Amino acid sequence: MNRAEFDAACATLELGFAISQTSGRRTTHRNKTVGGHPESWHLLGMGRDYVWDPWVKDDARALMRKRATQLGLRVVSEDDHDHIQPEQSAAFPRSAA
């Protein structure tokens, strides 16, 4: 998945669910400041963090995860947000970070 494909997949996901983006592309400095992984997809503009509107139920979250997989995205649930990145996360291009 390239950056344009990732952007399009995220845009599709955003339109279907009550989510708001809280983080996208980060500089190396910002990534380190927020405790991001040194090989974070955020550094390539291919990592996004989303929060849900407070009224959303778990079944909608499960549906979003299923849709994300169909779009070639991986959802990593964290304490206060969901992180989205390309499904093929093992293929992080180390030289691009």
Protein backbone atom coordinates (compact mmCIF):
# COMPACT_ATOMS: atom_id res chain seq x y z
CA MET A 1 0.00 0.00 0.00
CA ASN A 2 1.39 3.39 -0.94
CA ARG A 3 0.63 6.72 0.73
CA ALA A 4 -2.17 7.67 -1.69
CA GLU A 5 -3.87 4.31 -1.19
CA PHE A 6 -3.54 4.67 2.57
CA ASP A 7 -5.05 8.18 2.49
CA ALA A 8 -7.97 6.94 0.37
CA ALA A 9 -8.61 3.96 2.64
CA CYS A 10 -8.58 6.18 5.74
CA ALA A 11 -10.93 8.68 4.08
CA THR A 12 -13.37 5.86 3.34
CA LEU A 13 -13.16 4.65 6.93
CA GLU A 14 -13.67 8.16 8.34
CA LEU A 15 -16.87 8.66 6.35
CA GLY A 16 -18.49 5.52 7.72
CA PHE A 17 -17.89 5.88 11.45
CA ALA A 18 -18.09 8.43 14.28
CA ILE A 19 -14.32 8.84 14.59
CA SER A 20 -12.08 11.89 14.72
CA GLN A 21 -8.41 11.90 13.76
CA THR A 22 -6.09 13.06 16.53
CA SER A 23 -2.70 12.28 14.97
CA GLY A 24 -1.34 11.74 11.47
CA ARG A 25 2.11 12.37 10.05
CA ARG A 26 4.70 13.20 12.69
CA THR A 27 8.23 14.53 12.66
CA THR A 28 10.87 12.42 14.36
CA HIS A 29 10.95 14.95 17.22
CA ARG A 30 7.17 14.89 17.74
CA ASN A 31 7.07 11.11 17.53
CA LYS A 32 9.72 10.82 20.24
CA THR A 33 7.97 13.44 22.39
CA VAL A 34 4.68 11.51 22.38
CA GLY A 35 6.41 8.18 23.04
CA GLY A 36 5.95 6.80 19.53
CA HIS A 37 7.80 3.75 18.27
CA PRO A 38 11.10 4.64 16.51
CA GLU A 39 9.76 2.92 13.37
CA SER A 40 6.26 4.37 13.63
CA TRP A 41 4.15 4.51 10.50
CA HIS A 42 3.32 8.08 11.57
CA LEU A 43 6.81 9.08 10.38
CA LEU A 44 5.83 8.13 6.82
CA GLY A 45 2.38 9.70 7.01
CA MET A 46 0.88 6.21 7.05
CA GLY A 47 -0.19 6.03 10.67
CA ARG A 48 -3.29 7.69 12.08
CA ASP A 49 -4.86 7.82 15.49
CA TYR A 50 -8.61 8.12 15.98
CA VAL A 51 -10.91 8.64 18.92
CA TRP A 52 -14.57 7.66 18.97
CA ASP A 53 -17.53 9.83 19.84
CA PRO A 54 -18.55 8.89 23.40
CA TRP A 55 -21.93 7.42 22.45
CA VAL A 56 -20.49 4.76 20.11
CA LYS A 57 -21.15 1.16 21.12
CA ASP A 58 -18.78 -1.80 20.87
CA ASP A 59 -20.61 -3.34 17.91
CA ALA A 60 -19.79 -0.27 15.80
CA ARG A 61 -16.15 -0.58 16.82
CA ALA A 62 -16.12 -4.22 15.73
CA LEU A 63 -17.70 -3.27 12.41
CA MET A 64 -15.04 -0.58 11.89
CA ARG A 65 -12.27 -3.12 12.50
CA LYS A 66 -13.82 -5.45 9.94
CA ARG A 67 -14.13 -2.63 7.39
CA ALA A 68 -10.56 -1.53 8.04
CA THR A 69 -9.32 -5.05 7.28
CA GLN A 70 -11.29 -5.04 4.02
CA LEU A 71 -9.56 -1.77 3.11
CA GLY A 72 -6.08 -3.23 3.82
CA LEU A 73 -5.69 -1.46 7.16
CA ARG A 74 -4.67 -2.73 10.57
CA VAL A 75 -6.32 -1.42 13.74
CA VAL A 76 -4.30 -1.37 16.95
CA SER A 77 -6.49 -0.50 19.94
CA GLU A 78 -4.70 1.56 22.57
CA ASP A 79 -5.99 2.83 25.92
CA ASP A 80 -7.57 6.03 24.65
CA HIS A 81 -7.58 5.70 20.85
CA ASP A 82 -7.36 3.37 17.87
CA HIS A 83 -4.21 3.45 15.76
CA ILE A 84 -4.52 2.70 12.02
CA GLN A 85 -1.66 1.62 9.77
CA PRO A 86 -1.21 -0.50 6.64
CA GLU A 87 -1.93 -4.19 7.21
CA GLN A 88 1.50 -5.23 5.95
CA SER A 89 3.14 -3.63 8.99
CA ALA A 90 6.14 -5.97 8.90
CA ALA A 91 7.20 -4.21 5.70
CA PHE A 92 8.08 -0.88 7.35
CA PRO A 93 10.73 0.65 5.05
CA ARG A 94 13.53 1.36 7.51
CA SER A 95 15.42 3.65 5.16
CA ALA A 96 12.39 5.95 4.78
CA ALA A 97 12.14 6.79 8.48
